[in-house]
Amino acid sequence: MVDSVTTINSDGSRYFLYPADARGRFSLARRLSAYGLIVVYLLLPWIPVGGHPAVFIDIAERRFHFLGYTLAAQDTWLLFFGVSGLGFALFFLTALFGRLWCGWACPQTVFLDHVFRRIERWLEGDAVARRALQLAPMGPSKFARRAVKHLLYFFASLLITHLFLAYFVSLPELWLFMRAAPGEHWAAFLFVFIAAGLLYFNFAWFREQLCIVICPYGRLQSALTDDHTLVIGYDARRGEPRGRAGTPAAGACIACNRCVQVCPTGIDIRHGLQLECIGCAACIDACDEVMTKIHRPLGLVRYDSLAGLTGGVTRWVRPRTILYGGLLLLGVIVATFAFSSVQPANFLIYRMSGAAYFVGAEEVRDQFMVRIVNKRPTPATFTVSLEGLPAGMRQTGFLAPVTLAAQEELVSPLILLIDRKYYHGAFKFTVKVADAARTFSLARSVEFMGPDANLLTEDDHEKHRHR
C-alpha cells in the first residue's frame, strides 16, 4: 500500500529520481512520436500558408492565422468552441485510454524525457552512473560535466522560448528583436529570459513534481476513468507471490524492481494505479525485456483495464463513454456550423464619441465610424450601401467602393444628414458591406438618433414667426 508520494522522503525532503533508460516497442514509439511533435513545434512558424506562418497568433494586429484560415479579434468567440472541444476530447480519450496524453504528447513529458534527460544521459551516463556522480565530491570532472549540462539546459530553454515567441510575433520580427538592443524591445526580452528561466528551473530541477504537485490532470483520473478505462497495470493474479526465478510456487514476477527503476515518477506499478502514473509505458518495456530474458510470457505489466487485469472483460461502450462521446460529437457539429459562418471580412459600425446627434440650422446630423477588415490573403474591393433611409437623407463617406490590401483594416467616417423638414423622428436603417463579386455580404442595423420631431417642428415655427 502506498501512503505518500514516492518522491518525498520520510522526513519530508525531496527524493531525487534517476530513472533508467527503458528499451522496447513502446519506448521506441514514444521517442519517434515525441521527436515528430518537436519537429512540428519547430517547423510551424517557418511554414508559410496564405502569406503567413502556418500558426500565427498576431497580437499586434489582433488576428489568428491557422493553416491559411484567419480569425480577427471579433471572431474570438469561436475560441469557446476550440477550448470546449479540446476539453470534451480530453474527457472522451481519458475515459477510453487513461493518461495517454500525459505519457505520449504532453510538452512536459516530450521535452523532459526526450530532450533534457537525453542530454543528461549523454553527459553523465546511465542511472547508476548519475547516482554515483551525485554522491561523489565536487571535482574538476564533476564540475565540468555539470557546467556543460546546465549550459545546454539553458540553451535548450532559450531555444524553446524563442520559438514560442515566434508564434506571436513571426520569425522575421523575432530575428529583428534578436539583432536589436534589449532596450528597444524590453518586454519581449524580459519575457524570453523569464520564461527560459522558468523552463530551465522546471526541466533541470522541478521535473516530475510539475506532474505530481501542480498539474491537476492526474487528480481528475478518479472522476474521468473507471474500471474499464485502458491503463497500465500489473497482473497480480499471474505475478504473485513474487520470487526469484526457480523459486517453487512463485509467481511470474521475480522481484527485480526493473519496472520501478525506469519509472520517471518513481512509482511501483505493482501497487496498482496511482496518482503519479503518467502512462508512459516504460515499465511495460522493462518488464517485457526481463520476461524475454527468462523465457516467460510477456504482458505481466501491460496496457489493460482494471477489469481486464482481474480476469473480466473490458467494456468500451458504456454510459461514461457514450456521454463524453455525445458531448464531443455535439461540440463538433456546433463548432462546424460556427466556423462555417465566419466571413472573409469583418465589419463594424459605431457612433462617434461625443454627442449622439447634432442639430443645425438646416439639418439633423449623425456621425458614425465604419470599420472594415479584409481577412483574405489577397486584396479585395468592398461596397457600402445603406437601406431603409427616408427621403431627403444625404450621405458623406463611402460613396464609392473601397479596396483593401490583404489583411488590411480601414476605419473611416460615415456622416448622415437629413433636412429638418424631412425629419420625423428617430428611425432604424441597415448598413450593408459586400465584396465586389457579391460572394458574401454583412449587415448591421443602426439607429439614426435625433430630437423629438414635434419639438423640432415647434422650434421651426417659432423661428418662422420671429422673421
Protein backbone atom coordinates (compact mmCIF):
# COMPACT_ATOMS: atom_id res chain seq x y z
CA MET A 1 0.00 0.00 0.00
CA VAL A 2 1.30 3.46 -0.90
CA ASP A 3 0.83 6.01 1.91
CA SER A 4 2.61 9.02 0.40
CA VAL A 5 4.02 10.44 -2.80
CA THR A 6 7.02 8.40 -3.92
CA THR A 7 9.31 11.41 -4.36
CA ILE A 8 9.01 12.53 -0.72
CA ASN A 9 11.29 11.05 1.94
CA SER A 10 10.04 10.15 5.40
CA ASP A 11 11.43 13.42 6.75
CA GLY A 12 9.57 15.43 4.10
CA SER A 13 12.60 16.18 1.92
CA ARG A 14 12.71 15.71 -1.85
CA TYR A 15 13.75 12.28 -3.14
CA PHE A 16 15.51 12.84 -6.44
CA LEU A 17 14.92 10.31 -9.18
CA TYR A 18 17.43 8.81 -11.60
CA PRO A 19 15.21 6.76 -13.93
CA ALA A 20 16.97 4.13 -16.01
CA ASP A 21 16.57 4.04 -19.77
CA ALA A 22 13.92 1.62 -21.00
CA ARG A 23 14.17 -0.20 -24.32
CA GLY A 24 11.29 -1.72 -26.21
CA ARG A 25 8.47 -1.17 -28.65
CA PHE A 26 6.65 1.43 -26.58
CA SER A 27 9.79 3.39 -25.76
CA LEU A 28 10.71 3.47 -29.45
CA ALA A 29 7.19 4.53 -30.44
CA ARG A 30 7.15 7.26 -27.78
CA ARG A 31 10.54 8.53 -28.89
CA LEU A 32 9.50 8.70 -32.53
CA SER A 33 6.21 10.42 -31.73
CA ALA A 34 7.97 12.86 -29.38
CA TYR A 35 10.53 13.82 -32.00
CA GLY A 36 7.72 14.18 -34.51
CA LEU A 37 5.90 16.57 -32.16
CA ILE A 38 9.09 18.54 -31.55
CA VAL A 39 9.68 18.84 -35.30
CA VAL A 40 6.12 20.11 -35.75
CA TYR A 41 6.67 22.65 -32.96
CA LEU A 42 9.91 23.80 -34.57
CA LEU A 43 8.62 23.99 -38.14
CA LEU A 44 5.16 25.56 -37.80
CA PRO A 45 6.49 29.15 -37.57
CA TRP A 46 8.64 28.52 -40.67
CA ILE A 47 5.94 27.10 -42.96
CA PRO A 48 4.09 29.85 -44.89
CA VAL A 49 0.42 29.25 -45.63
CA GLY A 50 -1.52 32.01 -47.36
CA GLY A 51 1.22 34.57 -46.76
CA HIS A 52 1.51 33.91 -43.02
CA PRO A 53 3.11 31.25 -40.81
CA ALA A 54 1.06 28.08 -40.52
CA VAL A 55 0.18 29.04 -36.93
CA PHE A 56 0.49 32.72 -36.08
CA ILE A 57 -1.21 34.48 -33.17
CA ASP A 58 -0.66 38.04 -34.36
CA ILE A 59 -1.05 40.04 -31.16
CA ALA A 60 -0.13 43.38 -32.77
CA GLU A 61 -2.81 43.12 -35.46
CA ARG A 62 -5.24 41.12 -33.28
CA ARG A 63 -5.53 38.25 -35.73
CA PHE A 64 -5.11 34.49 -35.51
CA HIS A 65 -3.84 32.62 -38.57
CA PHE A 66 -4.21 28.86 -38.62
CA LEU A 67 -3.24 26.90 -41.74
CA GLY A 68 -4.45 29.70 -44.03
CA TYR A 69 -7.61 30.34 -42.01
CA THR A 70 -7.73 33.83 -40.46
CA LEU A 71 -9.74 34.95 -37.44
CA ALA A 72 -9.94 38.60 -36.42
CA ALA A 73 -10.47 39.97 -32.93
CA GLN A 74 -14.25 39.92 -33.47
CA ASP A 75 -14.05 36.17 -34.05
CA THR A 76 -12.57 35.37 -30.64
CA TRP A 77 -15.94 34.00 -29.52
CA LEU A 78 -15.06 30.97 -31.67
CA LEU A 79 -12.28 30.14 -29.21
CA PHE A 80 -15.02 28.90 -26.89
CA PHE A 81 -15.67 26.03 -29.29
CA GLY A 82 -11.95 25.31 -29.61
CA VAL A 83 -11.35 25.21 -25.86
CA SER A 84 -14.53 23.30 -25.03
CA GLY A 85 -13.86 20.90 -27.91
CA LEU A 86 -10.40 20.14 -26.57
CA GLY A 87 -11.92 19.63 -23.13
CA PHE A 88 -14.56 17.17 -24.37
CA ALA A 89 -11.96 15.36 -26.49
CA LEU A 90 -9.70 15.05 -23.45
CA PHE A 91 -12.57 13.71 -21.34
CA PHE A 92 -13.53 11.20 -24.02
CA LEU A 93 -9.98 9.98 -24.65
CA THR A 94 -9.25 9.79 -20.92
CA ALA A 95 -12.36 7.69 -20.31
CA LEU A 96 -11.16 5.31 -23.04
CA PHE A 97 -7.36 5.34 -22.75
CA GLY A 98 -6.46 6.92 -19.41
CA ARG A 99 -3.49 9.28 -19.31
CA LEU A 100 -2.47 8.75 -22.92
CA TRP A 101 -1.92 12.49 -23.30
CA CYS A 102 0.45 12.67 -20.32
CA GLY A 103 2.73 9.87 -21.40
CA TRP A 104 2.79 10.45 -25.14
CA ALA A 105 2.03 14.07 -26.07
CA CYS A 106 2.26 16.44 -23.09
CA PRO A 107 5.03 19.03 -23.69
CA GLN A 108 6.35 18.42 -20.18
CA THR A 109 6.92 14.73 -20.93
CA VAL A 110 8.08 15.28 -24.50
CA PHE A 111 10.78 17.81 -23.64
CA LEU A 112 11.82 16.29 -20.31
CA ASP A 113 12.16 12.68 -21.43
CA HIS A 114 13.35 13.21 -24.99
CA VAL A 115 15.47 16.37 -24.77
CA PHE A 116 16.69 17.19 -21.27
CA ARG A 117 17.11 13.64 -19.99
CA ARG A 118 18.80 12.74 -23.29
CA ILE A 119 21.34 15.48 -22.60
CA GLU A 120 21.78 14.21 -19.03
CA ARG A 121 22.32 10.60 -20.08
CA TRP A 122 24.76 11.67 -22.79
CA LEU A 123 26.94 13.64 -20.37
CA GLU A 124 26.57 11.70 -17.11
CA GLY A 125 25.80 8.13 -18.13
CA ASP A 126 23.07 5.71 -17.09
CA ALA A 127 21.07 5.79 -13.87
CA VAL A 128 23.77 4.09 -11.80
CA ALA A 129 26.47 6.47 -13.07
CA ARG A 130 24.28 9.52 -12.47
CA ARG A 131 23.50 8.48 -8.92
CA ALA A 132 27.20 7.84 -8.25
CA LEU A 133 28.10 11.23 -9.72
CA GLN A 134 25.56 12.93 -7.45
CA LEU A 135 27.11 11.31 -4.38
CA ALA A 136 30.70 11.99 -5.47
CA PRO A 137 32.53 15.05 -4.09
CA MET A 138 32.85 18.04 -6.35
CA GLY A 139 35.93 17.80 -8.55
CA PRO A 140 37.11 19.03 -11.94
CA SER A 141 35.35 16.21 -13.83
CA LYS A 142 32.06 16.57 -11.98
CA PHE A 143 32.16 20.36 -12.24
CA ALA A 144 32.83 20.24 -15.98
CA ARG A 145 30.03 17.74 -16.62
CA ARG A 146 27.53 19.68 -14.54
CA ALA A 147 28.53 23.02 -16.08
CA VAL A 148 28.17 21.74 -19.64
CA LYS A 149 24.87 20.04 -18.79
CA HIS A 150 23.31 23.16 -17.31
CA LEU A 151 24.61 25.35 -20.13
CA LEU A 152 22.93 23.01 -22.61
CA TYR A 153 19.79 23.01 -20.46
CA PHE A 154 19.61 26.80 -20.53
CA PHE A 155 20.38 26.92 -24.26
CA ALA A 156 17.56 24.43 -24.93
CA SER A 157 15.23 26.50 -22.71
CA LEU A 158 16.14 29.66 -24.66
CA LEU A 159 15.54 27.89 -27.97
CA ILE A 160 12.11 26.63 -26.87
CA THR A 161 11.15 30.08 -25.58
CA HIS A 162 12.33 31.94 -28.68
CA LEU A 163 10.34 29.62 -30.91
CA PHE A 164 7.32 30.05 -28.66
CA LEU A 165 7.61 33.82 -29.05
CA ALA A 166 7.79 33.37 -32.84
CA TYR A 167 4.20 32.07 -32.74
CA PHE A 168 3.16 35.57 -31.61
CA VAL A 169 5.50 37.93 -33.48
CA SER A 170 6.62 35.84 -36.53
CA LEU A 171 10.18 34.69 -37.23
CA PRO A 172 11.29 37.77 -39.24
CA GLU A 173 10.14 40.03 -36.40
CA LEU A 174 11.82 37.76 -33.85
CA TRP A 175 15.08 37.98 -35.81
CA LEU A 176 14.82 41.80 -35.71
CA PHE A 177 14.25 41.62 -31.94
CA MET A 178 17.32 39.45 -31.50
CA ARG A 179 19.55 41.77 -33.54
CA ALA A 180 18.38 44.93 -31.78
CA ALA A 181 19.43 46.18 -28.36
CA PRO A 182 17.40 44.67 -25.48
CA GLY A 183 16.05 48.09 -24.53
CA GLU A 184 14.33 48.51 -27.91
CA HIS A 185 12.06 45.53 -27.23
CA TRP A 186 12.37 45.23 -23.49
CA ALA A 187 9.01 43.47 -22.99
CA ALA A 188 9.90 40.65 -25.39
CA PHE A 189 13.42 40.48 -23.93
CA LEU A 190 12.09 40.10 -20.38
CA PHE A 191 9.50 37.54 -21.47
CA VAL A 192 12.10 35.36 -23.20
CA PHE A 193 14.53 35.30 -20.31
CA ILE A 194 11.93 34.94 -17.57
CA ALA A 195 10.16 32.14 -19.49
CA ALA A 196 13.51 30.48 -20.28
CA GLY A 197 14.45 30.72 -16.60
CA LEU A 198 11.20 29.04 -15.58
CA LEU A 199 11.70 26.30 -18.17
CA TYR A 200 15.28 25.77 -17.01
CA PHE A 201 14.14 25.53 -13.37
CA ASN A 202 11.40 23.08 -14.35
CA PHE A 203 13.46 20.74 -16.51
CA ALA A 204 16.69 20.96 -14.52
CA TRP A 205 15.27 20.57 -11.03
CA PHE A 206 11.47 20.53 -10.59
CA ARG A 207 10.82 17.86 -13.25
CA GLU A 208 8.25 15.22 -12.25
CA GLN A 209 6.99 17.45 -9.42
CA LEU A 210 5.13 19.52 -12.02
CA CYS A 211 3.04 16.45 -12.89
CA ILE A 212 2.60 15.36 -9.27
CA VAL A 213 2.13 18.66 -7.44
CA ILE A 214 0.94 21.31 -9.91
CA CYS A 215 -0.87 19.64 -12.82
CA PRO A 216 -4.49 18.86 -11.86
CA TYR A 217 -4.98 16.27 -14.62
CA GLY A 218 -3.75 13.34 -12.52
CA ARG A 219 -6.25 14.17 -9.80
CA LEU A 220 -9.05 14.16 -12.36
CA GLN A 221 -8.44 10.49 -13.14
CA SER A 222 -10.82 9.36 -10.41
CA ALA A 223 -13.59 11.46 -11.96
CA LEU A 224 -12.88 10.65 -15.62
CA THR A 225 -11.91 6.96 -15.52
CA ASP A 226 -13.48 3.75 -14.28
CA ASP A 227 -12.66 0.04 -14.12
CA HIS A 228 -12.96 -0.29 -17.90
CA THR A 229 -10.54 2.51 -18.83
CA LEU A 230 -7.35 1.37 -20.52
CA VAL A 231 -4.48 1.94 -18.09
CA ILE A 232 -1.08 0.45 -17.35
CA GLY A 233 -1.36 -2.23 -14.70
CA TYR A 234 0.30 -5.23 -13.10
CA ASP A 235 -1.29 -8.67 -13.41
CA ALA A 236 -1.21 -9.65 -9.75
CA ARG A 237 -3.01 -12.96 -10.44
CA ARG A 238 -0.09 -14.07 -12.57
CA GLY A 239 2.75 -12.25 -10.80
CA GLU A 240 2.07 -13.06 -7.12
CA PRO A 241 3.60 -14.33 -4.96
CA ARG A 242 6.86 -12.83 -6.08
CA GLY A 243 10.03 -14.81 -6.05
CA ARG A 244 13.27 -15.30 -7.90
CA ALA A 245 13.35 -17.50 -10.96
CA GLY A 246 13.25 -21.13 -9.90
CA THR A 247 11.54 -20.47 -6.56
CA PRO A 248 8.82 -23.11 -6.03
CA ALA A 249 5.22 -21.85 -6.16
CA ALA A 250 6.42 -18.32 -7.02
CA GLY A 251 4.56 -16.19 -9.49
CA ALA A 252 5.89 -14.71 -12.73
CA CYS A 253 7.30 -11.60 -11.02
CA ILE A 254 10.90 -12.20 -10.00
CA ALA A 255 11.04 -9.01 -7.86
CA CYS A 256 13.81 -7.48 -9.96
CA ASN A 257 12.30 -3.99 -9.47
CA ARG A 258 13.22 -3.09 -13.04
CA CYS A 259 9.76 -1.55 -13.50
CA VAL A 260 10.48 0.82 -10.61
CA GLN A 261 13.97 1.72 -11.86
CA VAL A 262 12.70 3.00 -15.24
CA CYS A 263 9.65 4.88 -13.93
CA PRO A 264 10.05 8.65 -14.48
CA THR A 265 7.88 9.38 -11.42
CA GLY A 266 9.36 6.66 -9.21
CA ILE A 267 6.26 4.59 -8.54
CA ASP A 268 5.93 0.83 -8.22
CA ILE A 269 3.24 -0.16 -10.69
CA ARG A 270 2.71 -3.38 -8.73
CA HIS A 271 0.93 -1.32 -6.07
CA GLY A 272 -1.84 -0.55 -8.52
CA LEU A 273 -2.97 2.57 -10.36
CA GLN A 274 -1.51 5.67 -8.71
CA LEU A 275 -1.77 9.43 -8.99
CA GLU A 276 1.82 9.75 -10.23
CA CYS A 277 1.49 7.31 -13.14
CA ILE A 278 1.65 9.23 -16.43
CA GLY A 279 1.05 6.21 -18.66
CA CYS A 280 4.46 6.33 -20.36
CA ALA A 281 4.71 2.51 -20.69
CA ALA A 282 8.38 2.44 -19.62
CA CYS A 283 7.53 -0.23 -17.03
CA ILE A 284 5.90 -2.37 -19.73
CA ASP A 285 9.07 -2.37 -21.85
CA ALA A 286 11.25 -3.01 -18.78
CA CYS A 287 9.16 -5.97 -17.64
CA ASP A 288 8.85 -7.42 -21.14
CA GLU A 289 12.64 -7.22 -21.52
CA VAL A 290 13.10 -9.22 -18.31
CA MET A 291 10.40 -11.74 -19.25
CA THR A 292 12.12 -12.27 -22.61
CA LYS A 293 15.44 -12.99 -20.90
CA ILE A 294 13.94 -15.61 -18.57
CA HIS A 295 11.72 -17.08 -21.31
CA ARG A 296 8.37 -16.25 -19.76
CA PRO A 297 5.27 -14.85 -21.48
CA LEU A 298 5.14 -11.10 -21.94
CA GLY A 299 2.41 -8.86 -20.55
CA LEU A 300 2.92 -9.18 -16.80
CA VAL A 301 2.77 -5.38 -16.86
CA ARG A 302 0.62 -4.23 -19.76
CA TYR A 303 -1.99 -1.88 -21.13
CA ASP A 304 -5.31 -3.20 -19.86
CA SER A 305 -8.32 -2.13 -17.86
CA LEU A 306 -8.66 -2.85 -14.15
CA ALA A 307 -11.49 -5.19 -15.10
CA GLY A 308 -9.25 -6.98 -17.59
CA LEU A 309 -6.40 -7.31 -15.08
CA THR A 310 -8.74 -9.11 -12.68
CA GLY A 311 -9.99 -11.52 -15.36
CA GLY A 312 -13.04 -9.59 -16.51
CA VAL A 313 -13.99 -8.22 -19.91
CA THR A 314 -13.32 -4.60 -20.85
CA ARG A 315 -16.43 -2.74 -21.99
CA TRP A 316 -15.56 0.07 -24.38
CA VAL A 317 -19.16 1.23 -24.85
CA ARG A 318 -20.56 2.29 -21.51
CA PRO A 319 -22.55 5.28 -20.12
CA ARG A 320 -19.42 7.34 -19.48
CA THR A 321 -18.01 6.98 -23.00
CA ILE A 322 -21.46 7.48 -24.54
CA LEU A 323 -21.92 10.72 -22.58
CA TYR A 324 -18.45 12.10 -23.33
CA GLY A 325 -18.63 10.95 -26.95
CA GLY A 326 -22.07 12.52 -27.37
CA LEU A 327 -20.89 15.83 -25.93
CA LEU A 328 -17.84 15.73 -28.20
CA LEU A 329 -19.97 15.00 -31.27
CA LEU A 330 -22.41 17.77 -30.36
CA GLY A 331 -19.50 20.16 -29.91
CA VAL A 332 -18.04 19.21 -33.29
CA ILE A 333 -21.39 19.82 -35.02
CA VAL A 334 -21.91 23.21 -33.37
CA ALA A 335 -18.27 24.23 -33.96
CA THR A 336 -18.50 23.23 -37.62
CA PHE A 337 -21.60 25.39 -38.05
CA ALA A 338 -19.96 28.29 -36.17
CA PHE A 339 -16.72 28.21 -38.13
CA SER A 340 -18.57 27.85 -41.44
CA SER A 341 -20.41 31.10 -40.67
CA VAL A 342 -17.18 33.10 -40.48
CA GLN A 343 -16.92 35.53 -43.39
CA PRO A 344 -13.67 36.59 -45.15
CA ALA A 345 -14.16 40.13 -43.83
CA ASN A 346 -15.26 41.84 -40.64
CA PHE A 347 -17.49 44.88 -40.48
CA LEU A 348 -18.37 47.12 -37.55
CA ILE A 349 -20.21 50.45 -37.34
CA TYR A 350 -20.35 52.54 -34.21
CA ARG A 351 -21.27 56.08 -33.27
CA MET A 352 -18.50 58.66 -32.99
CA SER A 353 -17.61 59.77 -29.50
CA GLY A 354 -19.30 62.93 -28.27
CA ALA A 355 -22.91 63.92 -28.71
CA ALA A 356 -25.31 61.29 -30.03
CA TYR A 357 -26.55 63.70 -32.71
CA PHE A 358 -26.19 67.29 -33.84
CA VAL A 359 -28.96 69.71 -34.74
CA GLY A 360 -28.03 72.51 -37.11
CA ALA A 361 -29.92 75.39 -38.61
CA GLU A 362 -30.92 73.34 -41.65
CA GLU A 363 -30.38 69.67 -40.79
CA VAL A 364 -30.00 66.90 -38.20
CA ARG A 365 -26.68 65.06 -38.34
CA ASP A 366 -25.49 61.67 -37.05
CA GLN A 367 -21.82 60.66 -37.22
CA PHE A 368 -20.57 57.08 -37.38
CA MET A 369 -17.28 55.28 -37.81
CA VAL A 370 -17.19 52.26 -40.12
CA ARG A 371 -14.50 49.61 -39.65
CA ILE A 372 -13.85 47.04 -42.39
CA VAL A 373 -11.20 44.31 -42.10
CA ASN A 374 -10.14 42.29 -45.12
CA LYS A 375 -9.17 38.87 -43.71
CA ARG A 376 -8.24 37.45 -47.08
CA PRO A 377 -4.60 36.93 -48.10
CA THR A 378 -5.33 38.90 -51.30
CA PRO A 379 -6.66 42.44 -51.98
CA ALA A 380 -10.43 42.85 -52.03
CA THR A 381 -12.88 45.59 -53.02
CA PHE A 382 -15.92 46.35 -50.86
CA THR A 383 -19.04 48.41 -51.38
CA VAL A 384 -21.01 50.01 -48.54
CA SER A 385 -24.74 50.52 -49.09
CA LEU A 386 -27.49 51.90 -46.87
CA GLU A 387 -31.05 50.62 -46.87
CA GLY A 388 -34.17 51.99 -45.21
CA LEU A 389 -33.23 55.68 -45.39
CA PRO A 390 -36.08 58.22 -45.64
CA ALA A 391 -36.36 60.82 -48.38
CA GLY A 392 -34.09 63.81 -48.02
CA MET A 393 -31.22 61.88 -46.39
CA ARG A 394 -27.72 62.80 -47.54
CA GLN A 395 -24.58 60.72 -47.08
CA THR A 396 -20.92 61.66 -46.75
CA GLY A 397 -18.35 58.89 -46.93
CA PHE A 398 -18.29 55.50 -48.67
CA LEU A 399 -19.92 56.86 -51.81
CA ALA A 400 -17.55 54.71 -53.91
CA PRO A 401 -16.17 51.18 -53.46
CA VAL A 402 -13.05 50.85 -51.30
CA THR A 403 -10.16 48.48 -52.00
CA LEU A 404 -8.21 46.99 -49.11
CA ALA A 405 -4.91 45.15 -49.33
CA ALA A 406 -4.50 41.67 -47.89
CA GLN A 407 -5.23 41.70 -44.13
CA GLU A 408 -5.71 45.48 -44.25
CA GLU A 409 -8.06 47.34 -41.95
CA LEU A 410 -9.97 50.53 -42.78
CA VAL A 411 -11.64 52.86 -40.30
CA SER A 412 -13.41 55.82 -41.89
CA PRO A 413 -16.29 58.18 -41.00
CA LEU A 414 -19.82 57.90 -42.34
CA ILE A 415 -21.87 61.10 -41.93
CA LEU A 416 -25.64 61.13 -42.43
CA LEU A 417 -27.63 64.38 -42.69
CA ILE A 418 -31.33 64.95 -43.09
CA ASP A 419 -33.09 68.29 -43.65
CA ARG A 420 -35.17 69.39 -40.70
CA LYS A 421 -38.30 69.48 -42.85
CA TYR A 422 -37.88 65.78 -43.71
CA TYR A 423 -37.06 64.68 -40.19
CA HIS A 424 -39.93 62.85 -38.45
CA GLY A 425 -38.10 61.28 -35.52
CA ALA A 426 -35.50 58.61 -34.84
CA PHE A 427 -35.53 55.62 -37.17
CA LYS A 428 -33.53 52.49 -37.91
CA PHE A 429 -31.72 51.68 -41.12
CA THR A 430 -29.39 48.97 -42.39
CA VAL A 431 -25.76 49.25 -43.44
CA LYS A 432 -24.50 46.51 -45.75
CA VAL A 433 -20.95 45.67 -46.80
CA ALA A 434 -20.37 43.32 -49.74
CA ASP A 435 -17.38 42.34 -51.83
CA ALA A 436 -17.21 43.26 -55.49
CA ALA A 437 -18.01 39.72 -56.61
CA ARG A 438 -21.05 39.59 -54.28
CA THR A 439 -19.85 36.31 -52.77
CA PHE A 440 -20.87 37.46 -49.30
CA SER A 441 -22.43 40.43 -47.51
CA LEU A 442 -22.51 41.65 -43.94
CA ALA A 443 -25.31 43.77 -42.49
CA ARG A 444 -25.73 45.82 -39.32
CA SER A 445 -28.87 47.54 -38.09
CA VAL A 446 -28.22 51.10 -36.90
CA GLU A 447 -30.43 53.76 -35.36
CA PHE A 448 -30.42 57.35 -36.60
CA MET A 449 -30.94 59.41 -33.46
CA GLY A 450 -32.28 62.91 -33.11
CA PRO A 451 -34.55 65.16 -31.06
CA ASP A 452 -38.29 64.76 -30.69
CA ALA A 453 -39.78 65.66 -34.08
CA ASN A 454 -42.63 67.70 -32.52
CA LEU A 455 -40.19 69.84 -30.55
CA LEU A 456 -38.17 70.41 -33.68
CA THR A 457 -41.30 71.44 -35.61
CA GLU A 458 -42.33 73.84 -32.85
CA ASP A 459 -38.86 75.34 -32.87
CA ASP A 460 -39.05 75.88 -36.64
CA HIS A 461 -42.49 77.54 -36.30
CA GLU A 462 -41.20 79.80 -33.56
CA LYS A 463 -38.27 80.90 -35.73
CA HIS A 464 -40.64 81.49 -38.64
CA ARG A 465 -42.90 83.79 -36.56
CA HIS A 466 -39.96 85.92 -35.49
CA ARG A 467 -38.83 86.59 -39.05
